[in-house]
Amino acid sequence: MRSKPTPQPIATLSGHFIEDIAVGAEHTLAVTSNGDVFGWGNNADGQLGLGHTNTVRTPQLITSLSGKGIRKVRDNSIYQIK
């Protein structure tokens, strides 16, 4: 009998209210209520915007997007609300 995966809390995002999330084939972006964007997963092409190409196993704040008024992500595209 195979065990079934169960949802688990993500400690890095504890204390943040997630407003929006986008899931790609191998990576994820999440936007918090204050506009911070976190990314994790496969980053082979630098798609997470973290300045490197290492795989990221826990959500990392994408500092280059801080203060930009990000409110939505869709299909891993990022939208500002002005």
PDB file of N, CA and C in Angstrom:
ATOM      1  N   MET A   1       0.842  -1.185   0.000  1.00  0.00           N
ATOM      2  CA  MET A   1       0.000   0.000   0.000  1.00  0.00           C
ATOM      3  C   MET A   1       0.885   1.245   0.000  1.00  0.00           C
ATOM      4  N   ARG A   2       0.639   2.152  -0.952  1.00  0.00           N
ATOM      5  CA  ARG A   2       1.403   3.393  -1.034  1.00  0.00           C
ATOM      6  C   ARG A   2       0.817   4.442  -0.104  1.00  0.00           C
ATOM      7  N   SER A   3       1.697   5.182   0.515  1.00  0.00           N
ATOM      8  CA  SER A   3       1.199   6.283   1.346  1.00  0.00           C
ATOM      9  C   SER A   3       0.822   7.456   0.446  1.00  0.00           C
ATOM     10  N   LYS A   4      -0.126   8.236   0.891  1.00  0.00           N
ATOM     11  CA  LYS A   4      -0.570   9.401   0.140  1.00  0.00           C
ATOM     12  C   LYS A   4       0.088  10.638   0.728  1.00  0.00           C
ATOM     13  N   PRO A   5       0.605  11.517  -0.136  1.00  0.00           N
ATOM     14  CA  PRO A   5       1.184  12.757   0.391  1.00  0.00           C
ATOM     15  C   PRO A   5       0.093  13.608   1.035  1.00  0.00           C
ATOM     16  N   THR A   6       0.454  14.277   2.092  1.00  0.00           N
ATOM     17  CA  THR A   6      -0.498  15.164   2.760  1.00  0.00           C
ATOM     18  C   THR A   6       0.083  16.574   2.802  1.00  0.00           C
ATOM     19  N   PRO A   7      -0.764  17.579   2.706  1.00  0.00           N
ATOM     20  CA  PRO A   7      -0.278  18.957   2.775  1.00  0.00           C
ATOM     21  C   PRO A   7       0.456  19.209   4.091  1.00  0.00           C
ATOM     22  N   GLN A   8       1.496  20.001   4.007  1.00  0.00           N
ATOM     23  CA  GLN A   8       2.293  20.355   5.174  1.00  0.00           C
ATOM     24  C   GLN A   8       2.450  21.870   5.245  1.00  0.00           C
ATOM     25  N   PRO A   9       2.478  22.435   6.435  1.00  0.00           N
ATOM     26  CA  PRO A   9       2.760  23.876   6.547  1.00  0.00           C
ATOM     27  C   PRO A   9       4.168  24.179   6.040  1.00  0.00           C
ATOM     28  N   ILE A  10       4.343  25.360   5.499  1.00  0.00           N
ATOM     29  CA  ILE A  10       5.658  25.807   5.031  1.00  0.00           C
ATOM     30  C   ILE A  10       6.167  26.819   6.043  1.00  0.00           C
ATOM     31  N   ALA A  11       7.136  26.398   6.847  1.00  0.00           N
ATOM     32  CA  ALA A  11       7.626  27.220   7.961  1.00  0.00           C
ATOM     33  C   ALA A  11       8.098  28.600   7.499  1.00  0.00           C
ATOM     34  N   THR A  12       8.752  28.679   6.339  1.00  0.00           N
ATOM     35  CA  THR A  12       9.262  29.960   5.843  1.00  0.00           C
ATOM     36  C   THR A  12       8.150  30.978   5.645  1.00  0.00           C
ATOM     37  N   LEU A  13       6.952  30.502   5.318  1.00  0.00           N
ATOM     38  CA  LEU A  13       5.838  31.413   5.054  1.00  0.00           C
ATOM     39  C   LEU A  13       4.943  31.631   6.266  1.00  0.00           C
ATOM     40  N   SER A  14       5.305  31.040   7.398  1.00  0.00           N
ATOM     41  CA  SER A  14       4.537  31.222   8.624  1.00  0.00           C
ATOM     42  C   SER A  14       4.494  32.707   8.976  1.00  0.00           C
ATOM     43  N   GLY A  15       3.325  33.193   9.294  1.00  0.00           N
ATOM     44  CA  GLY A  15       3.181  34.609   9.638  1.00  0.00           C
ATOM     45  C   GLY A  15       2.883  35.490   8.436  1.00  0.00           C
ATOM     46  N   HIS A  16       2.912  34.932   7.246  1.00  0.00           N
ATOM     47  CA  HIS A  16       2.578  35.677   6.022  1.00  0.00           C
ATOM     48  C   HIS A  16       1.200  35.235   5.546  1.00  0.00           C
ATOM     49  N   PHE A  17       0.404  36.189   5.060  1.00  0.00           N
ATOM     50  CA  PHE A  17      -0.874  35.856   4.446  1.00  0.00           C
ATOM     51  C   PHE A  17      -0.640  35.806   2.943  1.00  0.00           C
ATOM     52  N   ILE A  18      -0.848  34.641   2.348  1.00  0.00           N
ATOM     53  CA  ILE A  18      -0.601  34.467   0.917  1.00  0.00           C
ATOM     54  C   ILE A  18      -1.833  34.923   0.144  1.00  0.00           C
ATOM     55  N   GLU A  19      -1.639  35.927  -0.704  1.00  0.00           N
ATOM     56  CA  GLU A  19      -2.722  36.490  -1.511  1.00  0.00           C
ATOM     57  C   GLU A  19      -2.880  35.764  -2.838  1.00  0.00           C
ATOM     58  N   ASP A  20      -1.759  35.323  -3.418  1.00  0.00           N
ATOM     59  CA  ASP A  20      -1.820  34.709  -4.735  1.00  0.00           C
ATOM     60  C   ASP A  20      -0.659  33.733  -4.880  1.00  0.00           C
ATOM     61  N   ILE A  21      -0.857  32.729  -5.722  1.00  0.00           N
ATOM     62  CA  ILE A  21       0.172  31.720  -5.935  1.00  0.00           C
ATOM     63  C   ILE A  21       0.094  31.242  -7.378  1.00  0.00           C
ATOM     64  N   ALA A  22       1.243  30.963  -7.972  1.00  0.00           N
ATOM     65  CA  ALA A  22       1.305  30.397  -9.320  1.00  0.00           C
ATOM     66  C   ALA A  22       2.252  29.215  -9.280  1.00  0.00           C
ATOM     67  N   VAL A  23       1.835  28.139  -9.918  1.00  0.00           N
ATOM     68  CA  VAL A  23       2.623  26.909  -9.902  1.00  0.00           C
ATOM     69  C   VAL A  23       3.010  26.568 -11.328  1.00  0.00           C
ATOM     70  N   GLY A  24       4.316  26.489 -11.574  1.00  0.00           N
ATOM     71  CA  GLY A  24       4.819  26.047 -12.864  1.00  0.00           C
ATOM     72  C   GLY A  24       5.058  24.548 -12.819  1.00  0.00           C
ATOM     73  N   ALA A  25       5.675  24.025 -13.851  1.00  0.00           N
ATOM     74  CA  ALA A  25       5.949  22.585 -13.909  1.00  0.00           C
ATOM     75  C   ALA A  25       6.843  22.154 -12.756  1.00  0.00           C
ATOM     76  N   GLU A  26       7.807  22.999 -12.394  1.00  0.00           N
ATOM     77  CA  GLU A  26       8.769  22.605 -11.365  1.00  0.00           C
ATOM     78  C   GLU A  26       9.127  23.723 -10.406  1.00  0.00           C
ATOM     79  N   HIS A  27       8.365  24.814 -10.397  1.00  0.00           N
ATOM     80  CA  HIS A  27       8.633  25.892  -9.450  1.00  0.00           C
ATOM     81  C   HIS A  27       7.344  26.618  -9.102  1.00  0.00           C
ATOM     82  N   THR A  28       7.407  27.385  -8.015  1.00  0.00           N
ATOM     83  CA  THR A  28       6.230  28.061  -7.481  1.00  0.00           C
ATOM     84  C   THR A  28       6.582  29.490  -7.085  1.00  0.00           C
ATOM     85  N   LEU A  29       5.640  30.407  -7.287  1.00  0.00           N
ATOM     86  CA  LEU A  29       5.748  31.777  -6.810  1.00  0.00           C
ATOM     87  C   LEU A  29       4.553  32.068  -5.914  1.00  0.00           C
ATOM     88  N   ALA A  30       4.775  32.775  -4.826  1.00  0.00           N
ATOM     89  CA  ALA A  30       3.709  33.154  -3.909  1.00  0.00           C
ATOM     90  C   ALA A  30       3.846  34.631  -3.571  1.00  0.00           C
ATOM     91  N   VAL A  31       2.716  35.342  -3.550  1.00  0.00           N
ATOM     92  CA  VAL A  31       2.687  36.771  -3.219  1.00  0.00           C
ATOM     93  C   VAL A  31       1.989  36.934  -1.880  1.00  0.00           C
ATOM     94  N   THR A  32       2.623  37.674  -0.972  1.00  0.00           N
ATOM     95  CA  THR A  32       2.028  37.918   0.343  1.00  0.00           C
ATOM     96  C   THR A  32       1.146  39.167   0.295  1.00  0.00           C
ATOM     97  N   SER A  33       0.384  39.365   1.351  1.00  0.00           N
ATOM     98  CA  SER A  33      -0.525  40.513   1.426  1.00  0.00           C
ATOM     99  C   SER A  33       0.206  41.852   1.410  1.00  0.00           C
ATOM    100  N   ASN A  34       1.484  41.860   1.787  1.00  0.00           N
ATOM    101  CA  ASN A  34       2.236  43.124   1.737  1.00  0.00           C
ATOM    102  C   ASN A  34       3.061  43.260   0.464  1.00  0.00           C
ATOM    103  N   GLY A  35       2.838  42.366  -0.515  1.00  0.00           N
ATOM    104  CA  GLY A  35       3.494  42.493  -1.813  1.00  0.00           C
ATOM    105  C   GLY A  35       4.823  41.795  -1.944  1.00  0.00           C
ATOM    106  N   ASP A  36       5.279  41.088  -0.920  1.00  0.00           N
ATOM    107  CA  ASP A  36       6.513  40.316  -1.057  1.00  0.00           C
ATOM    108  C   ASP A  36       6.253  39.103  -1.939  1.00  0.00           C
ATOM    109  N   VAL A  37       7.254  38.727  -2.731  1.00  0.00           N
ATOM    110  CA  VAL A  37       7.142  37.557  -3.598  1.00  0.00           C
ATOM    111  C   VAL A  37       8.192  36.542  -3.160  1.00  0.00           C
ATOM    112  N   PHE A  38       7.751  35.320  -2.947  1.00  0.00           N
ATOM    113  CA  PHE A  38       8.631  34.212  -2.592  1.00  0.00           C
ATOM    114  C   PHE A  38       8.626  33.212  -3.737  1.00  0.00           C
ATOM    115  N   GLY A  39       9.773  32.599  -3.996  1.00  0.00           N
ATOM    116  CA  GLY A  39       9.866  31.592  -5.038  1.00  0.00           C
ATOM    117  C   GLY A  39      10.642  30.387  -4.554  1.00  0.00           C
ATOM    118  N   TRP A  40      10.294  29.205  -5.109  1.00  0.00           N
ATOM    119  CA  TRP A  40      11.037  27.990  -4.785  1.00  0.00           C
ATOM    120  C   TRP A  40      10.804  26.952  -5.873  1.00  0.00           C
ATOM    121  N   GLY A  41      11.718  25.988  -5.932  1.00  0.00           N
ATOM    122  CA  GLY A  41      11.627  24.911  -6.913  1.00  0.00           C
ATOM    123  C   GLY A  41      12.819  24.925  -7.863  1.00  0.00           C
ATOM    124  N   ASN A  42      12.619  24.341  -9.038  1.00  0.00           N
ATOM    125  CA  ASN A  42      13.670  24.300 -10.054  1.00  0.00           C
ATOM    126  C   ASN A  42      13.967  25.723 -10.504  1.00  0.00           C
ATOM    127  N   ASN A  43      15.237  26.058 -10.535  1.00  0.00           N
ATOM    128  CA  ASN A  43      15.663  27.408 -10.890  1.00  0.00           C
ATOM    129  C   ASN A  43      16.804  27.343 -11.897  1.00  0.00           C
ATOM    130  N   ALA A  44      16.816  26.274 -12.708  1.00  0.00           N
ATOM    131  CA  ALA A  44      17.932  26.017 -13.626  1.00  0.00           C
ATOM    132  C   ALA A  44      18.187  27.166 -14.591  1.00  0.00           C
ATOM    133  N   ASP A  45      17.147  27.895 -14.960  1.00  0.00           N
ATOM    134  CA  ASP A  45      17.296  29.018 -15.892  1.00  0.00           C
ATOM    135  C   ASP A  45      17.207  30.366 -15.185  1.00  0.00           C
ATOM    136  N   GLY A  46      17.286  30.358 -13.857  1.00  0.00           N
ATOM    137  CA  GLY A  46      17.190  31.594 -13.092  1.00  0.00           C
ATOM    138  C   GLY A  46      15.783  32.166 -13.058  1.00  0.00           C
ATOM    139  N   GLN A  47      14.787  31.330 -13.345  1.00  0.00           N
ATOM    140  CA  GLN A  47      13.410  31.798 -13.451  1.00  0.00           C
ATOM    141  C   GLN A  47      12.817  32.331 -12.156  1.00  0.00           C
ATOM    142  N   LEU A  48      13.447  32.049 -11.038  1.00  0.00           N
ATOM    143  CA  LEU A  48      12.929  32.568  -9.777  1.00  0.00           C
ATOM    144  C   LEU A  48      13.396  33.998  -9.484  1.00  0.00           C
ATOM    145  N   GLY A  49      14.349  34.491 -10.257  1.00  0.00           N
ATOM    146  CA  GLY A  49      14.808  35.863 -10.068  1.00  0.00           C
ATOM    147  C   GLY A  49      15.634  36.072  -8.819  1.00  0.00           C
ATOM    148  N   LEU A  50      16.335  35.031  -8.395  1.00  0.00           N
ATOM    149  CA  LEU A  50      17.124  35.110  -7.166  1.00  0.00           C
ATOM    150  C   LEU A  50      18.603  35.410  -7.413  1.00  0.00           C
ATOM    151  N   GLY A  51      18.990  35.534  -8.670  1.00  0.00           N
ATOM    152  CA  GLY A  51      20.383  35.851  -8.980  1.00  0.00           C
ATOM    153  C   GLY A  51      21.295  34.649  -9.049  1.00  0.00           C
ATOM    154  N   HIS A  52      20.731  33.454  -9.083  1.00  0.00           N
ATOM    155  CA  HIS A  52      21.518  32.227  -9.230  1.00  0.00           C
ATOM    156  C   HIS A  52      20.663  31.185  -9.930  1.00  0.00           C
ATOM    157  N   THR A  53      21.240  30.018 -10.187  1.00  0.00           N
ATOM    158  CA  THR A  53      20.505  28.956 -10.890  1.00  0.00           C
ATOM    159  C   THR A  53      20.428  27.671 -10.068  1.00  0.00           C
ATOM    160  N   ASN A  54      20.561  27.785  -8.760  1.00  0.00           N
ATOM    161  CA  ASN A  54      20.461  26.616  -7.886  1.00  0.00           C
ATOM    162  C   ASN A  54      19.001  26.267  -7.619  1.00  0.00           C
ATOM    163  N   THR A  55      18.715  24.987  -7.446  1.00  0.00           N
ATOM    164  CA  THR A  55      17.387  24.558  -7.024  1.00  0.00           C
ATOM    165  C   THR A  55      17.134  25.097  -5.624  1.00  0.00           C
ATOM    166  N   VAL A  56      15.928  25.562  -5.379  1.00  0.00           N
ATOM    167  CA  VAL A  56      15.564  26.173  -4.104  1.00  0.00           C
ATOM    168  C   VAL A  56      14.485  25.304  -3.460  1.00  0.00           C
ATOM    169  N   ARG A  57      14.808  24.721  -2.310  1.00  0.00           N
ATOM    170  CA  ARG A  57      13.893  23.773  -1.677  1.00  0.00           C
ATOM    171  C   ARG A  57      12.890  24.413  -0.717  1.00  0.00           C
ATOM    172  N   THR A  58      13.186  25.592  -0.235  1.00  0.00           N
ATOM    173  CA  THR A  58      12.250  26.307   0.636  1.00  0.00           C
ATOM    174  C   THR A  58      12.015  27.704   0.053  1.00  0.00           C
ATOM    175  N   PRO A  59      10.861  28.285   0.274  1.00  0.00           N
ATOM    176  CA  PRO A  59      10.570  29.610  -0.290  1.00  0.00           C
ATOM    177  C   PRO A  59      11.631  30.645   0.095  1.00  0.00           C
ATOM    178  N   GLN A  60      12.084  31.382  -0.917  1.00  0.00           N
ATOM    179  CA  GLN A  60      13.059  32.450  -0.727  1.00  0.00           C
ATOM    180  C   GLN A  60      12.436  33.764  -1.172  1.00  0.00           C
ATOM    181  N   LEU A  61      12.646  34.810  -0.379  1.00  0.00           N
ATOM    182  CA  LEU A  61      12.163  36.134  -0.740  1.00  0.00           C
ATOM    183  C   LEU A  61      12.908  36.618  -1.984  1.00  0.00           C
ATOM    184  N   ILE A  62      12.170  37.084  -2.977  1.00  0.00           N
ATOM    185  CA  ILE A  62      12.778  37.644  -4.189  1.00  0.00           C
ATOM    186  C   ILE A  62      12.930  39.141  -3.944  1.00  0.00           C
ATOM    187  N   THR A  63      14.097  39.517  -3.437  1.00  0.00           N
ATOM    188  CA  THR A  63      14.317  40.893  -2.978  1.00  0.00           C
ATOM    189  C   THR A  63      14.242  41.912  -4.108  1.00  0.00           C
ATOM    190  N   SER A  64      14.551  41.497  -5.339  1.00  0.00           N
ATOM    191  CA  SER A  64      14.499  42.445  -6.460  1.00  0.00           C
ATOM    192  C   SER A  64      13.072  42.911  -6.743  1.00  0.00           C
ATOM    193  N   LEU A  65      12.065  42.218  -6.195  1.00  0.00           N
ATOM    194  CA  LEU A  65      10.665  42.611  -6.390  1.00  0.00           C
ATOM    195  C   LEU A  65      10.077  43.346  -5.184  1.00  0.00           C
ATOM    196  N   SER A  66      10.869  43.469  -4.118  1.00  0.00           N
ATOM    197  CA  SER A  66      10.378  44.156  -2.914  1.00  0.00           C
ATOM    198  C   SER A  66      10.065  45.615  -3.223  1.00  0.00           C
ATOM    199  N   GLY A  67       8.944  46.098  -2.688  1.00  0.00           N
ATOM    200  CA  GLY A  67       8.561  47.496  -2.868  1.00  0.00           C
ATOM    201  C   GLY A  67       8.014  47.825  -4.248  1.00  0.00           C
ATOM    202  N   LYS A  68       7.714  46.821  -5.063  1.00  0.00           N
ATOM    203  CA  LYS A  68       7.245  47.048  -6.431  1.00  0.00           C
ATOM    204  C   LYS A  68       5.724  47.011  -6.558  1.00  0.00           C
ATOM    205  N   GLY A  69       5.010  46.766  -5.461  1.00  0.00           N
ATOM    206  CA  GLY A  69       3.556  46.733  -5.514  1.00  0.00           C
ATOM    207  C   GLY A  69       2.999  45.490  -6.187  1.00  0.00           C
ATOM    208  N   ILE A  70       3.699  44.394  -6.076  1.00  0.00           N
ATOM    209  CA  ILE A  70       3.237  43.146  -6.692  1.00  0.00           C
ATOM    210  C   ILE A  70       2.005  42.641  -5.946  1.00  0.00           C
ATOM    211  N   ARG A  71       0.992  42.258  -6.695  1.00  0.00           N
ATOM    212  CA  ARG A  71      -0.237  41.750  -6.093  1.00  0.00           C
ATOM    213  C   ARG A  71      -0.682  40.429  -6.695  1.00  0.00           C
ATOM    214  N   LYS A  72      -0.263  40.129  -7.905  1.00  0.00           N
ATOM    215  CA  LYS A  72      -0.729  38.928  -8.595  1.00  0.00           C
ATOM    216  C   LYS A  72       0.411  38.240  -9.333  1.00  0.00           C
ATOM    217  N   VAL A  73       0.335  36.939  -9.389  1.00  0.00           N
ATOM    218  CA  VAL A  73       1.182  36.144 -10.278  1.00  0.00           C
ATOM    219  C   VAL A  73       0.250  35.201 -11.032  1.00  0.00           C
ATOM    220  N   ARG A  74       0.517  35.011 -12.309  1.00  0.00           N
ATOM    221  CA  ARG A  74      -0.299  34.109 -13.102  1.00  0.00           C
ATOM    222  C   ARG A  74       0.582  33.469 -14.157  1.00  0.00           C
ATOM    223  N   ASP A  75       0.502  32.177 -14.274  1.00  0.00           N
ATOM    224  CA  ASP A  75       1.352  31.461 -15.218  1.00  0.00           C
ATOM    225  C   ASP A  75       2.810  31.884 -15.042  1.00  0.00           C
ATOM    226  N   ASN A  76       3.156  32.153 -13.777  1.00  0.00           N
ATOM    227  CA  ASN A  76       4.475  32.615 -13.390  1.00  0.00           C
ATOM    228  C   ASN A  76       4.868  33.941 -14.025  1.00  0.00           C
ATOM    229  N   SER A  77       3.859  34.762 -14.364  1.00  0.00           N
ATOM    230  CA  SER A  77       4.083  36.150 -14.751  1.00  0.00           C
ATOM    231  C   SER A  77       3.695  37.001 -13.548  1.00  0.00           C
ATOM    232  N   ILE A  78       4.342  38.129 -13.381  1.00  0.00           N
ATOM    233  CA  ILE A  78       4.142  38.954 -12.189  1.00  0.00           C
ATOM    234  C   ILE A  78       3.453  40.253 -12.593  1.00  0.00           C
ATOM    235  N   TYR A  79       2.429  40.636 -11.813  1.00  0.00           N
ATOM    236  CA  TYR A  79       1.650  41.823 -12.110  1.00  0.00           C
ATOM    237  C   TYR A  79       1.714  42.808 -10.968  1.00  0.00           C
ATOM    238  N   GLN A  80       1.916  44.070 -11.323  1.00  0.00           N
ATOM    239  CA  GLN A  80       1.883  45.148 -10.347  1.00  0.00           C
ATOM    240  C   GLN A  80       0.509  45.803 -10.378  1.00  0.00           C
ATOM    241  N   ILE A  81       0.100  46.315  -9.241  1.00  0.00           N
ATOM    242  CA  ILE A  81      -1.118  47.120  -9.201  1.00  0.00           C
ATOM    243  C   ILE A  81      -0.695  48.516  -8.808  1.00  0.00           C
ATOM    244  N   LYS A  82      -0.985  49.460  -9.675  1.00  0.00           N
ATOM    245  CA  LYS A  82      -0.572  50.843  -9.429  1.00  0.00           C
ATOM    246  C   LYS A  82      -1.754  51.683  -9.066  1.00  0.00           C
TER     247      LYS A  82
END
